[in-house]
Structures are given as C-alpha cells and as structure tokens.
Amino acid sequence: MLGIEGGNIGTYSSKPRADGTLCGEGHGVLVTQDGDTVTWKGIATGRFTGGGAVAYRGSLSYNTASKKLAKLNSIAGVFEFEVDAEGNTHSKIWEWK
C-alpha cells in the first residue's frame, strides 16, 4: 500500500439479488512490515463469471493513525477483485482522484 510492503486480511460477505448480481461488503486490516496498521471498509457489486468464478467491482475507505500512511485517510480506493473456481484471488486497487 503506497509502495510499502505488508499483509492484508479481511472478511467479506455478499448476497444475491433478484437479478442474479451480488451485493457485498467487507472490512479488514493491513499491517506493514514495520507494524503500522490501516483498517479498511469496502462495498461492491459482483457477478458470477462462469464455472464458479466471481468478479467484484467496488470502493474502499481507509482509517489509520500511522504518519507514514496518513494519506489513506483522505482518499477513496476503487478496486477489482476476482475469485476463480479453485478459490484463487486476484485484486487491483487504484486511488480515485
């Protein structure tokens, strides 16, 4: 995050809508190698992409007391998150300017 290495863990839940799309939300924490933490909250819309795979698109807000990561308190992140049929995930996050 912001070019700083760290680990991320979160919980995300979604439920199907009548039209077959998914509505989801989640929260989690990122911890840098130096011990700084950032919590995040997200909301997204998802869809099944075939064979048990799912793709989500959404937004993130952040909260941190870390001086190094304080910029995150004032930005919104937009993301793509995909899960394949085997449970492998891939995600990208961008700063919404």
N, C-alpha and C. Protein backbone atom coordinates (compact mmCIF):
# COMPACT_ATOMS: atom_id res chain seq x y z
N MET A 1 0.85 -1.17 0.00
CA MET A 1 0.00 0.00 0.00
C MET A 1 0.90 1.23 0.00
N LEU A 2 0.66 2.14 -0.92
CA LEU A 2 1.51 3.32 -1.10
C LEU A 2 2.97 2.94 -1.26
N GLY A 3 3.24 1.78 -1.85
CA GLY A 3 4.59 1.32 -2.07
C GLY A 3 5.25 0.69 -0.85
N ILE A 4 4.49 0.46 0.22
CA ILE A 4 5.01 -0.13 1.44
C ILE A 4 4.52 -1.56 1.55
N GLU A 5 5.44 -2.50 1.77
CA GLU A 5 5.09 -3.91 1.87
C GLU A 5 4.27 -4.18 3.13
N GLY A 6 3.36 -5.13 3.03
CA GLY A 6 2.56 -5.52 4.19
C GLY A 6 1.66 -6.69 3.88
N GLY A 7 0.94 -7.14 4.89
CA GLY A 7 -0.01 -8.23 4.74
C GLY A 7 -1.42 -7.73 4.99
N ASN A 8 -2.37 -8.32 4.32
CA ASN A 8 -3.75 -7.87 4.39
C ASN A 8 -4.65 -9.05 4.71
N ILE A 9 -5.61 -8.83 5.61
CA ILE A 9 -6.61 -9.86 5.91
C ILE A 9 -7.95 -9.16 6.08
N GLY A 10 -8.99 -9.80 5.59
CA GLY A 10 -10.31 -9.19 5.69
C GLY A 10 -11.41 -10.21 5.63
N THR A 11 -12.59 -9.74 5.95
CA THR A 11 -13.80 -10.55 5.88
C THR A 11 -14.76 -9.85 4.93
N TYR A 12 -15.33 -10.63 4.03
CA TYR A 12 -16.23 -10.07 3.02
C TYR A 12 -17.43 -10.98 2.91
N SER A 13 -18.60 -10.41 2.87
CA SER A 13 -19.80 -11.22 2.67
C SER A 13 -20.64 -10.60 1.58
N SER A 14 -21.34 -11.44 0.85
CA SER A 14 -22.21 -10.94 -0.22
C SER A 14 -23.47 -11.78 -0.26
N LYS A 15 -24.49 -11.18 -0.84
CA LYS A 15 -25.74 -11.92 -1.02
C LYS A 15 -26.28 -11.65 -2.41
N PRO A 16 -26.99 -12.64 -2.95
CA PRO A 16 -27.52 -12.48 -4.30
C PRO A 16 -28.73 -11.56 -4.33
N ARG A 17 -28.86 -10.87 -5.44
CA ARG A 17 -30.03 -10.04 -5.71
C ARG A 17 -30.95 -10.80 -6.66
N ALA A 18 -32.15 -10.33 -6.79
CA ALA A 18 -33.14 -10.99 -7.65
C ALA A 18 -32.67 -11.11 -9.10
N ASP A 19 -31.85 -10.16 -9.56
CA ASP A 19 -31.40 -10.19 -10.96
C ASP A 19 -30.15 -11.05 -11.18
N GLY A 20 -29.66 -11.71 -10.12
CA GLY A 20 -28.51 -12.59 -10.23
C GLY A 20 -27.17 -11.94 -9.91
N THR A 21 -27.14 -10.62 -9.74
CA THR A 21 -25.90 -9.97 -9.32
C THR A 21 -25.73 -10.13 -7.81
N LEU A 22 -24.59 -9.73 -7.31
CA LEU A 22 -24.29 -9.85 -5.89
C LEU A 22 -24.06 -8.47 -5.29
N CYS A 23 -24.45 -8.30 -4.05
CA CYS A 23 -24.20 -7.08 -3.29
C CYS A 23 -23.38 -7.49 -2.08
N GLY A 24 -22.21 -6.84 -1.89
CA GLY A 24 -21.34 -7.26 -0.81
C GLY A 24 -20.70 -6.11 -0.07
N GLU A 25 -20.20 -6.47 1.12
CA GLU A 25 -19.45 -5.51 1.92
C GLU A 25 -18.44 -6.26 2.77
N GLY A 26 -17.40 -5.54 3.18
CA GLY A 26 -16.37 -6.18 3.98
C GLY A 26 -15.55 -5.18 4.76
N HIS A 27 -14.67 -5.72 5.57
CA HIS A 27 -13.74 -4.90 6.34
C HIS A 27 -12.51 -5.74 6.66
N GLY A 28 -11.41 -5.04 6.92
CA GLY A 28 -10.19 -5.76 7.21
C GLY A 28 -9.09 -4.84 7.69
N VAL A 29 -7.89 -5.39 7.74
CA VAL A 29 -6.74 -4.64 8.23
C VAL A 29 -5.50 -5.02 7.41
N LEU A 30 -4.69 -4.02 7.13
CA LEU A 30 -3.40 -4.20 6.50
C LEU A 30 -2.35 -3.84 7.55
N VAL A 31 -1.33 -4.70 7.69
CA VAL A 31 -0.24 -4.45 8.63
C VAL A 31 1.06 -4.42 7.84
N THR A 32 1.81 -3.32 7.98
CA THR A 32 3.08 -3.21 7.27
C THR A 32 4.17 -4.00 7.99
N GLN A 33 5.30 -4.16 7.33
CA GLN A 33 6.43 -4.87 7.94
C GLN A 33 6.96 -4.12 9.16
N ASP A 34 6.69 -2.80 9.23
CA ASP A 34 7.11 -2.00 10.39
C ASP A 34 6.08 -1.98 11.50
N GLY A 35 4.94 -2.65 11.30
CA GLY A 35 3.91 -2.72 12.33
C GLY A 35 2.83 -1.65 12.25
N ASP A 36 2.88 -0.79 11.22
CA ASP A 36 1.81 0.19 11.04
C ASP A 36 0.56 -0.53 10.55
N THR A 37 -0.61 -0.05 10.96
CA THR A 37 -1.87 -0.69 10.56
C THR A 37 -2.78 0.31 9.86
N VAL A 38 -3.58 -0.24 8.96
CA VAL A 38 -4.62 0.50 8.26
C VAL A 38 -5.85 -0.38 8.25
N THR A 39 -6.97 0.11 8.73
CA THR A 39 -8.21 -0.64 8.58
C THR A 39 -8.92 -0.13 7.34
N TRP A 40 -9.71 -1.00 6.75
CA TRP A 40 -10.45 -0.62 5.55
C TRP A 40 -11.87 -1.16 5.61
N LYS A 41 -12.76 -0.47 4.90
CA LYS A 41 -14.14 -0.91 4.71
C LYS A 41 -14.43 -0.84 3.23
N GLY A 42 -15.18 -1.81 2.75
CA GLY A 42 -15.47 -1.84 1.32
C GLY A 42 -16.91 -2.21 1.04
N ILE A 43 -17.35 -1.80 -0.14
CA ILE A 43 -18.67 -2.16 -0.65
C ILE A 43 -18.52 -2.42 -2.14
N ALA A 44 -19.26 -3.41 -2.64
CA ALA A 44 -19.07 -3.78 -4.04
C ALA A 44 -20.31 -4.43 -4.63
N THR A 45 -20.29 -4.48 -5.95
CA THR A 45 -21.26 -5.22 -6.73
C THR A 45 -20.51 -6.35 -7.42
N GLY A 46 -21.09 -7.52 -7.43
CA GLY A 46 -20.42 -8.66 -8.04
C GLY A 46 -21.30 -9.39 -9.03
N ARG A 47 -20.64 -10.30 -9.75
CA ARG A 47 -21.36 -11.13 -10.71
C ARG A 47 -20.62 -12.45 -10.87
N PHE A 48 -21.37 -13.50 -11.14
CA PHE A 48 -20.77 -14.78 -11.45
C PHE A 48 -20.26 -14.73 -12.88
N THR A 49 -19.05 -15.23 -13.10
CA THR A 49 -18.45 -15.14 -14.44
C THR A 49 -18.32 -16.50 -15.12
N GLY A 50 -18.86 -17.53 -14.53
CA GLY A 50 -18.86 -18.85 -15.15
C GLY A 50 -17.95 -19.83 -14.44
N GLY A 51 -18.40 -21.06 -14.36
CA GLY A 51 -17.59 -22.12 -13.77
C GLY A 51 -17.31 -21.95 -12.29
N GLY A 52 -18.10 -21.16 -11.59
CA GLY A 52 -17.89 -20.94 -10.17
C GLY A 52 -17.05 -19.72 -9.84
N ALA A 53 -16.61 -18.98 -10.84
CA ALA A 53 -15.81 -17.77 -10.61
C ALA A 53 -16.73 -16.57 -10.34
N VAL A 54 -16.19 -15.59 -9.60
CA VAL A 54 -16.94 -14.39 -9.25
C VAL A 54 -16.03 -13.18 -9.45
N ALA A 55 -16.61 -12.07 -9.93
CA ALA A 55 -15.87 -10.82 -10.09
C ALA A 55 -16.63 -9.71 -9.37
N TYR A 56 -15.90 -8.90 -8.61
CA TYR A 56 -16.47 -7.77 -7.88
C TYR A 56 -15.81 -6.48 -8.32
N ARG A 57 -16.54 -5.39 -8.28
CA ARG A 57 -16.03 -4.05 -8.50
C ARG A 57 -16.59 -3.18 -7.39
N GLY A 58 -15.74 -2.37 -6.74
CA GLY A 58 -16.25 -1.59 -5.63
C GLY A 58 -15.32 -0.49 -5.17
N SER A 59 -15.60 -0.01 -3.97
CA SER A 59 -14.83 1.09 -3.40
C SER A 59 -14.40 0.78 -1.97
N LEU A 60 -13.34 1.46 -1.54
CA LEU A 60 -12.76 1.27 -0.21
C LEU A 60 -12.55 2.61 0.48
N SER A 61 -12.74 2.62 1.79
CA SER A 61 -12.33 3.75 2.62
C SER A 61 -11.35 3.21 3.65
N TYR A 62 -10.44 4.08 4.10
CA TYR A 62 -9.35 3.67 4.97
C TYR A 62 -9.33 4.49 6.25
N ASN A 63 -8.71 3.91 7.29
CA ASN A 63 -8.51 4.62 8.55
C ASN A 63 -7.18 4.16 9.16
N THR A 64 -6.31 5.13 9.47
CA THR A 64 -5.02 4.80 10.07
C THR A 64 -4.54 5.94 10.96
N ALA A 65 -3.78 5.59 11.99
CA ALA A 65 -3.11 6.57 12.84
C ALA A 65 -1.64 6.69 12.44
N SER A 66 -1.21 5.89 11.47
CA SER A 66 0.18 5.89 11.02
C SER A 66 0.50 7.18 10.27
N LYS A 67 1.59 7.83 10.64
CA LYS A 67 2.01 9.04 9.93
C LYS A 67 2.46 8.70 8.50
N LYS A 68 3.10 7.55 8.34
CA LYS A 68 3.57 7.15 7.00
C LYS A 68 2.41 6.88 6.04
N LEU A 69 1.29 6.41 6.58
CA LEU A 69 0.16 6.02 5.73
C LEU A 69 -1.02 6.98 5.84
N ALA A 70 -0.82 8.13 6.48
CA ALA A 70 -1.92 9.07 6.75
C ALA A 70 -2.65 9.52 5.48
N LYS A 71 -1.98 9.52 4.35
CA LYS A 71 -2.63 9.90 3.09
C LYS A 71 -3.88 9.07 2.82
N LEU A 72 -3.87 7.82 3.28
CA LEU A 72 -5.02 6.94 3.03
C LEU A 72 -6.30 7.44 3.69
N ASN A 73 -6.19 8.22 4.77
CA ASN A 73 -7.38 8.75 5.44
C ASN A 73 -8.18 9.71 4.56
N SER A 74 -7.54 10.26 3.53
CA SER A 74 -8.20 11.28 2.72
C SER A 74 -8.51 10.83 1.29
N ILE A 75 -8.36 9.54 1.01
CA ILE A 75 -8.64 9.08 -0.35
C ILE A 75 -9.68 7.96 -0.35
N ALA A 76 -10.24 7.74 -1.51
CA ALA A 76 -11.10 6.59 -1.75
C ALA A 76 -10.35 5.65 -2.69
N GLY A 77 -10.45 4.39 -2.44
CA GLY A 77 -9.88 3.40 -3.35
C GLY A 77 -10.99 2.75 -4.15
N VAL A 78 -10.71 2.45 -5.41
CA VAL A 78 -11.63 1.66 -6.22
C VAL A 78 -10.90 0.37 -6.56
N PHE A 79 -11.65 -0.71 -6.65
CA PHE A 79 -10.98 -2.00 -6.82
C PHE A 79 -11.71 -2.94 -7.75
N GLU A 80 -10.93 -3.92 -8.23
CA GLU A 80 -11.42 -5.11 -8.91
C GLU A 80 -10.94 -6.29 -8.06
N PHE A 81 -11.82 -7.23 -7.81
CA PHE A 81 -11.48 -8.41 -7.03
C PHE A 81 -12.12 -9.61 -7.71
N GLU A 82 -11.33 -10.62 -8.01
CA GLU A 82 -11.84 -11.80 -8.70
C GLU A 82 -11.42 -13.06 -7.96
N VAL A 83 -12.34 -14.02 -7.95
CA VAL A 83 -12.10 -15.33 -7.33
C VAL A 83 -12.40 -16.38 -8.39
N ASP A 84 -11.42 -17.26 -8.67
CA ASP A 84 -11.69 -18.30 -9.66
C ASP A 84 -12.35 -19.51 -8.99
N ALA A 85 -12.67 -20.51 -9.78
CA ALA A 85 -13.40 -21.68 -9.29
C ALA A 85 -12.62 -22.46 -8.23
N GLU A 86 -11.30 -22.32 -8.20
CA GLU A 86 -10.47 -23.01 -7.21
C GLU A 86 -10.26 -22.17 -5.95
N GLY A 87 -10.80 -20.97 -5.92
CA GLY A 87 -10.65 -20.11 -4.75
C GLY A 87 -9.46 -19.18 -4.79
N ASN A 88 -8.73 -19.17 -5.89
CA ASN A 88 -7.60 -18.25 -6.05
C ASN A 88 -8.13 -16.85 -6.30
N THR A 89 -7.50 -15.85 -5.67
CA THR A 89 -7.97 -14.48 -5.80
C THR A 89 -6.95 -13.60 -6.51
N HIS A 90 -7.46 -12.55 -7.12
CA HIS A 90 -6.62 -11.53 -7.76
C HIS A 90 -7.32 -10.20 -7.55
N SER A 91 -6.56 -9.19 -7.12
CA SER A 91 -7.18 -7.89 -6.91
C SER A 91 -6.24 -6.78 -7.34
N LYS A 92 -6.85 -5.65 -7.68
CA LYS A 92 -6.14 -4.40 -8.02
C LYS A 92 -6.91 -3.28 -7.33
N ILE A 93 -6.15 -2.32 -6.79
CA ILE A 93 -6.74 -1.16 -6.15
C ILE A 93 -6.11 0.09 -6.74
N TRP A 94 -6.94 1.10 -7.01
CA TRP A 94 -6.48 2.38 -7.50
C TRP A 94 -6.98 3.49 -6.60
N GLU A 95 -6.22 4.56 -6.52
CA GLU A 95 -6.68 5.76 -5.82
C GLU A 95 -7.62 6.51 -6.76
N TRP A 96 -8.78 6.85 -6.25
CA TRP A 96 -9.74 7.61 -7.05
C TRP A 96 -9.40 9.08 -6.88
N LYS A 97 -8.94 9.71 -7.94
CA LYS A 97 -8.52 11.11 -7.89
C LYS A 97 -9.58 12.01 -8.44
